[in-house]
Amino acid sequence: MTIPLTNKRLGSGLAIAFLAAASFGMSGPFVAPLLDAGWSPTAAVLWRTAGAAVVLAIPAILTLRGRWGILRQNAGLILAYGIFAVLGSQLAFYNAIEHMSVGVAILIEYLAPVFLVLFFWARTRRHPGWFTIAGSAVALTGLVLVLNLAGAAPSAVGVAWALLASLGACIYFVISARADADLPPIVLAASSMVVASVGLGLLAITGVAPFHFTFGEVDLLGSSVSWLVPAAVILGMSTVAGYLLGIAGSARLGSRLASFVGLTEVLFAAVIAWVLLGQLPAPIQFLGGALILTGVVLVRIQTEREPAALPTHESVVEPVESRDPVPI
């Protein structure tokens, strides 16, 4: 049964959804001081996923109400989601911000819907619609401006990591399109955090990925503070609170409207990075960011207007609207 979207429900839903976007947007700016202090991206992601798995386990178990068969039925989905959407995208994003600003890295990652549209267009030869074509062109133009090739261009290594994070997000969209409707989002989140934590532990033990951390002071807003300050924000606000707020916002607004509000995560991340880290993009990069967001919006509008134009059950956009965003 569809719940009417009253003015009161709309207002509270928007407030919660904006808070969720702001919460997710804290991840990059608050992990940067830990990385500067000697944490490896692997250690930072493991702190986030393992902690979130523990905290989300209780509400996830209560939501399941003993229906453990749902986990068995979706074991493959949960495994793929944990490896690609959580471990892969987060690890790549944290590696990216070791080499470039948070704002530029997250803008490149947010191009995932555009990349996925272009991939399906090339594979199927089916016209994706003029809104999608226009949105893709606008977003890719924005990417060129964000990279600021004529000025202080970002590190090539950072761009490569950000593109890998975007690839992880693309895989997340496709996986989510095939998700079981009976699998609650919070259960998927908690179980995928467990999978990602195990995977990260294996990477660390085998030495495939560097794993090191410190328990000393970190620099935050020009002052030395305990490592627990940014670490607590990453775990509590950017992960646990972000997921819970995202689920609550989607329940009030509906998945489509909530997904558009979720785009403001980019803006929150850029503003927080500016305040905390002094990372202010160049004017041309601001323009590029605006074009990227405009292009992604056009791609999503096209999917709403002509859902049959895209293959695999609207696999480019609908997954973003039917599940929580990938926490980065």
Foldseek 3Di string as FASTA:
>chain_A
DDDDQDPVLVVVLLVLLLLLLLLLLLQQLLCVLFVVVPFALLQLLLLQLVLLLVVLVVVLCVVCVPVCVLCVVCVVLLLLCLVQLRQFLSSLLNQLCVFFPNLLLVLLLLCLLLVLVVVQCVVVVFDLDPLLVVLSVLLVVLNVLLQVVVPPGTDPSSSVSSNRSSVSQNSLLLSLLPRDPPNDQSNSSSSSSVSNSVVSVVCPVVVVGPGDGDQAWTAWQNDTDTSVVSSCSNRPRNRNSSQVSLVSSCSSPPLLVSLLSSVCSSVSNQVSNCRTPVDHGDPSNVVSSVSNNSSVVSSSVSCVVCVVSGPSRSSSPVSPSVHPHRRD
